[in-house]
Every structure is written in C-alpha cells, then in structure tokens.
Amino acid sequence: MNTEVPADRPAHLVGEFMETQGKGNILMSVMNIWPGELPYHQEHVQEETPTLTSYLLPAEEGERRPAVLVCPGGGYARRADHEGRPVAEWLNRIGISAFVLDYRVAPSKHPAPLADARQAIRIVRANAEAWGIDPGRIGILGFSAGGHVAASASVLFEQGDEHAADPLQKLSSRPDLAILCYPVISLLPEFGHQGSKNNLIGEEADEELVQALSLELQVNPDTPPAFIWHTSDDASVPVENALYYAAALRRNGVPFELHSYESGRHGIGLAQEHPYAEPWTAACERWLRNRGF
C-alpha cells in the first residue's frame, strides 16, 4: 500500500474555526474534497458539493494519532445529523481524530459516493503529517447506507498509482480498518435495502452492477479488519447484512468482531438510550485499542 505523502496540498479549505471541547482545543474545518470539477457528474443533475469536516485533536511535536472517517447513513437520500458530529465527538473523547464525510447522495448515483470516500481517505493520508495523523492508521466508520459506503471503500479500494499525474492518486484509498454499524451490505432481493439500492443505482440496474455492489460477494483477503454491529430485530435493514459480511470476512481470513444485539430500532446511532445496543461504543473502543488505534 502506498502511503508516501505527496507535497501538493490537495484540499480546498472553505471554513475553519476553533472550538473548545473537553480537554484541549479541537480544530474543526470544512473543506471541499473536489475543488475542481466533480468526477462522475451527471448531466442535467443538480449535485451538491461533497465536503469533509475535520475534528482534529491537538498533537505533540512528532506525535501521530489515529483517525477515523465517519459516513452518516440515510438510505443514499440524505445524511443523518445524529450519525455525524456526535460520532466524531465520541471518537475525539477516546483519543482519535475524526472526519465527517458529506458524500453525494441521490440524485447522484454510483460511483459518486464511493469516489467521494476514496478521495476523503486520500486527503487525510496526504495531510497526515500536517494534521498529526498516522497515515497507516486511518479507519472508516459508517451507519446504514453510510455503512455501505464504508464497506465499499473497504472492498473496492484502489492501491494508488505511482505514475499518476494527480499526487492524490498516487496514494492508496484503502482504509486500515472499518466500523460498520447496522450496515447496508447487500443489494440482492432477499436481504437488500431497496431504498438504498434505488437511490444508488436505480430501479432498473442490471444484475451485474447489483452483484458488484453486493459487498458480501466482493470481500477478499486484502479487505481490512472490521468491527460490525447490528440489532437482530432491525426492521429496515435485516441483520443478515452484517452476518453475511462477517461470514465473507471469515472465509477470506480477515479479522473481525461481530455483535448482534437483541433489540433496537434502525438508525439509533450511538444508542445512548437503548439498553440492548448501548454497549456497542465500549466494545468498539476496546477493539480499536486492541488494533492499535
């Protein structure tokens, strides 16, 4: 994996301010991830500008912190606020710098959200030294359809092309680990989430594309380790999405931790008021520590 950082500064900063949060100052900034023309732009479609909001922890001279990119859910139709900033603040509390990605959603289609995730990972990796981040400890976290974004980035990553003209494209887009929270994984009829599928690839997508984006079928030995949790009675995205992805990781020898909680509605985020699923953050923190994060 190529993590050598190019000299060019890739991102266009659109806003920056300081906010005191707990101990020390958290540097918060918002940047356009595509300062030029949007890739995969659809003609006659009004697309929003994807952005990346950083929640950077202060770092001592020479210190390199881990970082996690957060992808809120919303069925590829929107991005849920409670699965963005509050999650970044939780990561900050356990010593991890965080970034919230506003990836493109409908009417944008595949591969725009995946391209946004790859670009965001590369931006974090490219700016690692300036931001006090370890370029070899960059994870991705996603909820629901954001879990599909995170899992897509995990199985459909690009290694980086050392001959590319764009310095960012020289870097790998592979996350070093993934945290998948009640994720959409499959687009197949039996357990797929129809709304996410329609928004991402359309109702009439051909079977080859459906298969390609059913991520339980795309796991390979280079897929990064994953922490996965779901609730057994999720009525929107069946728990089989998590189970099938975990089974695919097992078949390919990829480490994972899986939690299936007895009860909890879909979209509960940090689950602070849900007695069954509330322990997921503590379990995830232990897993992150054990993996060097």
Protein backbone atom coordinates (compact mmCIF):
# COMPACT_ATOMS: atom_id res chain seq x y z
CA MET A 1 0.00 0.00 0.00
CA ASN A 2 1.38 3.37 -0.97
CA THR A 3 1.21 5.84 1.96
CA GLU A 4 4.00 8.15 0.80
CA VAL A 5 2.60 11.65 1.05
CA PRO A 6 2.85 13.98 -1.96
CA ALA A 7 3.99 17.55 -1.45
CA ASP A 8 0.93 19.13 -3.12
CA ARG A 9 -1.83 20.25 -0.75
CA PRO A 10 -4.92 18.58 -2.22
CA ALA A 11 -7.96 20.01 -0.44
CA HIS A 12 -9.63 23.39 -0.75
CA LEU A 13 -10.38 24.77 2.69
CA VAL A 14 -13.76 26.51 2.82
CA GLY A 15 -14.04 27.24 6.52
CA GLU A 16 -12.10 26.83 9.74
CA PHE A 17 -12.62 27.64 13.39
CA MET A 18 -11.51 26.55 16.84
CA GLU A 19 -13.84 25.07 19.44
CA THR A 20 -13.02 24.06 22.98
CA GLN A 21 -14.29 20.56 23.72
CA GLY A 22 -13.28 18.71 26.85
CA LYS A 23 -9.52 18.92 27.27
CA GLY A 24 -7.64 20.97 24.72
CA ASN A 25 -8.79 22.57 21.51
CA ILE A 26 -10.43 20.63 18.70
CA LEU A 27 -9.56 22.08 15.30
CA MET A 28 -12.68 21.98 13.17
CA SER A 29 -12.53 22.77 9.47
CA VAL A 30 -14.73 22.21 6.44
CA MET A 31 -13.23 21.59 3.02
CA ASN A 32 -14.39 20.74 -0.48
CA ILE A 33 -12.92 17.39 -1.37
CA TRP A 34 -13.13 18.15 -5.10
CA PRO A 35 -12.01 21.78 -5.52
CA GLY A 36 -12.29 21.39 -9.31
CA GLU A 37 -14.89 19.63 -11.44
CA LEU A 38 -16.85 16.86 -9.71
CA PRO A 39 -15.99 13.42 -11.08
CA TYR A 40 -18.90 11.26 -12.26
CA HIS A 41 -21.11 14.32 -12.55
CA GLN A 42 -24.40 13.51 -14.28
CA GLU A 43 -25.50 15.88 -16.98
CA HIS A 44 -28.65 17.87 -16.14
CA VAL A 45 -28.46 16.76 -12.47
CA GLN A 46 -28.06 19.35 -9.72
CA GLU A 47 -25.44 17.90 -7.40
CA GLU A 48 -24.31 19.15 -4.02
CA THR A 49 -20.65 19.67 -3.25
CA PRO A 50 -19.25 16.85 -1.09
CA THR A 51 -17.33 18.13 1.92
CA LEU A 52 -15.13 16.83 4.70
CA THR A 53 -15.39 18.26 8.22
CA SER A 54 -12.42 17.61 10.47
CA TYR A 55 -12.40 17.21 14.25
CA LEU A 56 -8.66 17.22 14.84
CA LEU A 57 -7.19 16.57 18.25
CA PRO A 58 -4.05 18.51 19.20
CA ALA A 59 -0.86 16.50 18.77
CA GLU A 60 2.52 16.95 20.41
CA GLU A 61 5.57 17.51 18.22
CA GLY A 62 6.18 14.28 16.33
CA GLU A 63 3.01 12.64 17.68
CA ARG A 64 0.82 10.79 15.20
CA ARG A 65 -2.75 9.99 16.16
CA PRO A 66 -5.13 7.51 14.53
CA ALA A 67 -8.03 8.94 12.54
CA VAL A 68 -11.46 7.67 11.51
CA LEU A 69 -13.63 8.88 8.63
CA VAL A 70 -17.35 8.93 9.54
CA CYS A 71 -20.06 8.27 6.92
CA PRO A 72 -23.58 9.01 8.22
CA GLY A 73 -26.49 6.95 6.95
CA GLY A 74 -29.70 7.99 5.23
CA GLY A 75 -30.54 5.48 2.50
CA TYR A 76 -28.38 7.33 -0.06
CA ALA A 77 -31.10 10.01 0.03
CA ARG A 78 -29.72 12.17 2.85
CA ARG A 79 -27.13 12.06 5.67
CA ALA A 80 -28.39 11.81 9.24
CA ASP A 81 -27.01 14.53 11.52
CA HIS A 82 -27.00 12.31 14.63
CA GLU A 83 -24.65 9.88 12.87
CA GLY A 84 -22.12 12.61 12.04
CA ARG A 85 -20.87 15.17 14.52
CA PRO A 86 -21.87 13.27 17.72
CA VAL A 87 -19.91 10.26 16.46
CA ALA A 88 -16.86 12.40 15.68
CA GLU A 89 -17.05 13.86 19.19
CA TRP A 90 -17.20 10.35 20.67
CA LEU A 91 -14.09 9.40 18.69
CA ASN A 92 -12.36 12.55 19.98
CA ARG A 93 -13.18 11.54 23.56
CA ILE A 94 -11.36 8.23 23.09
CA GLY A 95 -8.30 9.93 21.56
CA ILE A 96 -9.00 9.59 17.84
CA SER A 97 -9.12 12.44 15.34
CA ALA A 98 -12.26 12.27 13.23
CA PHE A 99 -13.61 13.44 9.89
CA VAL A 100 -17.27 13.53 8.83
CA LEU A 101 -17.81 12.99 5.11
CA ASP A 102 -20.80 14.58 3.39
CA TYR A 103 -20.67 12.19 0.42
CA ARG A 104 -23.01 12.64 -2.52
CA VAL A 105 -26.49 11.14 -2.34
CA ALA A 106 -29.45 10.99 -4.73
CA PRO A 107 -29.90 12.25 -7.36
CA SER A 108 -26.18 11.41 -7.63
CA LYS A 109 -25.59 7.76 -8.48
CA HIS A 110 -22.81 5.21 -8.21
CA PRO A 111 -19.85 5.60 -8.35
CA ALA A 112 -20.05 9.14 -6.92
CA PRO A 113 -20.35 8.17 -3.20
CA LEU A 114 -17.53 5.63 -3.49
CA ALA A 115 -15.34 8.16 -5.31
CA ASP A 116 -16.00 10.66 -2.52
CA ALA A 117 -14.96 8.14 0.15
CA ARG A 118 -11.79 7.20 -1.70
CA GLN A 119 -10.91 10.87 -2.16
CA ALA A 120 -11.53 11.65 1.51
CA ILE A 121 -9.26 8.83 2.69
CA ARG A 122 -6.53 10.04 0.35
CA ILE A 123 -6.90 13.64 1.57
CA VAL A 124 -6.48 12.52 5.19
CA ARG A 125 -3.49 10.40 4.24
CA ALA A 126 -1.94 13.22 2.18
CA ASN A 127 -2.28 15.71 5.05
CA ALA A 128 -1.28 13.26 7.76
CA GLU A 129 1.92 15.00 8.79
CA ALA A 130 0.32 18.46 8.91
CA TRP A 131 -2.64 17.15 10.90
CA GLY A 132 -0.67 14.96 13.33
CA ILE A 133 -2.15 11.72 11.94
CA ASP A 134 -0.55 8.35 11.34
CA PRO A 135 -1.08 7.61 7.60
CA GLY A 136 -1.08 3.89 8.41
CA ARG A 137 -3.89 4.18 10.98
CA ILE A 138 -6.82 5.64 9.08
CA GLY A 139 -10.14 3.88 9.56
CA ILE A 140 -13.64 4.35 8.18
CA LEU A 141 -16.96 4.13 10.04
CA GLY A 142 -20.43 4.06 8.53
CA PHE A 143 -24.06 3.72 9.58
CA SER A 144 -26.73 2.05 7.43
CA ALA A 145 -26.18 3.31 3.84
CA GLY A 146 -23.07 5.03 5.18
CA GLY A 147 -22.04 1.52 6.20
CA HIS A 148 -22.38 0.57 2.54
CA VAL A 149 -20.09 3.48 1.67
CA ALA A 150 -17.58 2.33 4.30
CA ALA A 151 -17.73 -1.31 3.22
CA SER A 152 -17.46 -0.27 -0.45
CA ALA A 153 -14.31 1.68 0.36
CA SER A 154 -13.04 -1.44 2.15
CA VAL A 155 -13.55 -3.94 -0.67
CA LEU A 156 -13.33 -1.68 -3.75
CA PHE A 157 -10.29 0.37 -2.77
CA GLU A 158 -7.52 1.50 -5.10
CA GLN A 159 -3.89 0.80 -4.26
CA GLY A 160 -2.58 4.05 -5.75
CA ASP A 161 -0.73 4.65 -8.99
CA GLU A 162 2.83 5.92 -8.54
CA HIS A 163 2.79 7.20 -12.13
CA ALA A 164 -0.40 9.26 -11.76
CA ALA A 165 -0.25 12.96 -12.61
CA ASP A 166 -2.54 13.82 -9.68
CA PRO A 167 -0.47 13.43 -6.49
CA LEU A 168 -3.50 12.20 -4.57
CA GLN A 169 -3.99 9.32 -6.98
CA LYS A 170 -0.55 8.06 -6.02
CA LEU A 171 -1.89 7.21 -2.57
CA SER A 172 -3.87 4.15 -1.56
CA SER A 173 -7.54 4.67 -0.75
CA ARG A 174 -7.65 1.53 1.42
CA PRO A 175 -8.81 2.17 4.99
CA ASP A 176 -6.81 0.36 7.66
CA LEU A 177 -9.96 -0.85 9.40
CA ALA A 178 -13.74 -0.46 9.17
CA ILE A 179 -16.52 0.02 11.71
CA LEU A 180 -19.89 -0.98 10.23
CA CYS A 181 -23.00 0.00 12.18
CA TYR A 182 -26.25 -1.70 11.11
CA PRO A 183 -24.79 -1.54 7.58
CA VAL A 184 -26.45 -1.94 4.22
CA ILE A 185 -24.25 -4.61 2.63
CA SER A 186 -26.32 -6.49 0.08
CA LEU A 187 -28.34 -5.11 -2.81
CA LEU A 188 -29.75 -8.53 -3.66
CA PRO A 189 -33.53 -9.02 -3.32
CA GLU A 190 -33.57 -11.33 -0.30
CA PHE A 191 -31.93 -9.06 2.30
CA GLY A 192 -31.02 -5.90 0.41
CA HIS A 193 -32.36 -2.46 1.30
CA GLN A 194 -34.50 -1.47 -1.67
CA GLY A 195 -34.45 2.26 -0.98
CA SER A 196 -30.66 2.42 -0.83
CA LYS A 197 -30.40 0.31 -3.97
CA ASN A 198 -32.81 2.52 -5.92
CA ASN A 199 -31.09 5.73 -4.84
CA LEU A 200 -27.60 4.39 -5.55
CA ILE A 201 -28.02 2.55 -8.86
CA GLY A 202 -31.67 2.99 -9.89
CA GLU A 203 -34.62 0.61 -10.00
CA GLU A 204 -33.63 -0.86 -13.36
CA ALA A 205 -29.93 -1.50 -12.67
CA ASP A 206 -28.52 -4.53 -14.47
CA GLU A 207 -27.76 -7.67 -12.48
CA GLU A 208 -24.01 -7.36 -12.94
CA LEU A 209 -23.95 -4.00 -11.14
CA VAL A 210 -26.24 -5.30 -8.38
CA GLN A 211 -23.83 -8.17 -7.82
CA ALA A 212 -20.78 -5.89 -7.93
CA LEU A 213 -22.22 -3.66 -5.19
CA SER A 214 -23.48 -6.52 -3.02
CA LEU A 215 -20.40 -6.32 -0.88
CA GLU A 216 -20.66 -9.72 0.77
CA LEU A 217 -19.70 -11.03 -2.68
CA GLN A 218 -16.68 -8.71 -3.04
CA VAL A 219 -14.74 -9.40 0.16
CA ASN A 220 -11.18 -10.61 -0.48
CA PRO A 221 -8.11 -11.34 1.65
CA ASP A 222 -6.96 -7.70 1.36
CA THR A 223 -10.19 -6.35 2.86
CA PRO A 224 -9.37 -4.50 6.10
CA PRO A 225 -10.45 -5.85 9.51
CA ALA A 226 -13.92 -4.84 10.66
CA PHE A 227 -15.98 -4.24 13.77
CA ILE A 228 -19.63 -4.91 12.90
CA TRP A 229 -22.77 -4.46 14.93
CA HIS A 230 -26.46 -4.77 14.20
CA THR A 231 -29.71 -5.40 16.06
CA SER A 232 -31.50 -8.68 15.49
CA ASP A 233 -34.92 -7.09 15.13
CA ASP A 234 -33.91 -4.29 12.73
CA ALA A 235 -37.00 -3.90 10.58
CA SER A 236 -35.38 -1.69 7.92
CA VAL A 237 -32.03 -3.34 7.14
CA PRO A 238 -32.07 -7.05 8.08
CA VAL A 239 -29.33 -8.32 10.37
CA GLU A 240 -28.33 -10.76 7.63
CA ASN A 241 -26.43 -7.87 6.02
CA ALA A 242 -24.00 -7.90 8.93
CA LEU A 243 -23.97 -11.69 9.23
CA TYR A 244 -23.20 -12.29 5.56
CA TYR A 245 -20.39 -9.72 5.53
CA ALA A 246 -18.87 -11.29 8.64
CA ALA A 247 -19.12 -14.75 7.06
CA ALA A 248 -17.34 -13.45 3.94
CA LEU A 249 -14.56 -11.99 6.10
CA ARG A 250 -14.24 -15.36 7.88
CA ARG A 251 -13.94 -17.23 4.58
CA ASN A 252 -11.18 -14.87 3.46
CA GLY A 253 -9.21 -14.96 6.70
CA VAL A 254 -9.89 -11.30 7.57
CA PRO A 255 -10.14 -10.50 11.31
CA PHE A 256 -13.47 -9.15 12.53
CA GLU A 257 -15.60 -8.67 15.62
CA LEU A 258 -19.37 -9.06 15.30
CA HIS A 259 -22.08 -8.02 17.76
CA SER A 260 -25.74 -8.80 17.18
CA TYR A 261 -27.82 -7.10 19.85
CA GLU A 262 -31.24 -8.47 20.70
CA SER A 263 -33.27 -5.33 20.17
CA GLY A 264 -33.10 -1.79 18.83
CA ARG A 265 -34.73 0.09 16.01
CA HIS A 266 -32.79 1.02 12.91
CA GLY A 267 -30.83 4.27 12.96
CA ILE A 268 -30.06 4.54 16.68
CA GLY A 269 -26.57 5.94 16.16
CA LEU A 270 -24.57 5.99 19.41
CA ALA A 271 -27.52 4.16 21.03
CA GLN A 272 -27.14 6.04 24.31
CA GLU A 273 -30.77 5.47 25.30
CA HIS A 274 -31.12 1.91 24.05
CA PRO A 275 -30.36 -0.68 26.76
CA TYR A 276 -29.58 -3.55 24.40
CA ALA A 277 -27.30 -1.80 21.88
CA GLU A 278 -25.80 0.91 24.12
CA PRO A 279 -22.68 -1.22 24.88
CA TRP A 280 -21.51 -1.07 21.25
CA THR A 281 -19.34 2.02 21.76
CA ALA A 282 -17.46 0.47 24.70
CA ALA A 283 -16.97 -2.77 22.77
CA CYS A 284 -15.76 -0.83 19.73
CA GLU A 285 -13.35 1.22 21.83
CA ARG A 286 -11.77 -1.97 23.19
CA TRP A 287 -11.50 -3.38 19.68
CA LEU A 288 -9.86 -0.18 18.42
CA ARG A 289 -7.33 -0.26 21.26
CA ASN A 290 -6.53 -3.90 20.56
CA ARG A 291 -5.89 -2.99 16.93
CA GLY A 292 -3.50 -0.18 17.84
CA PHE A 293 -5.95 2.70 17.48
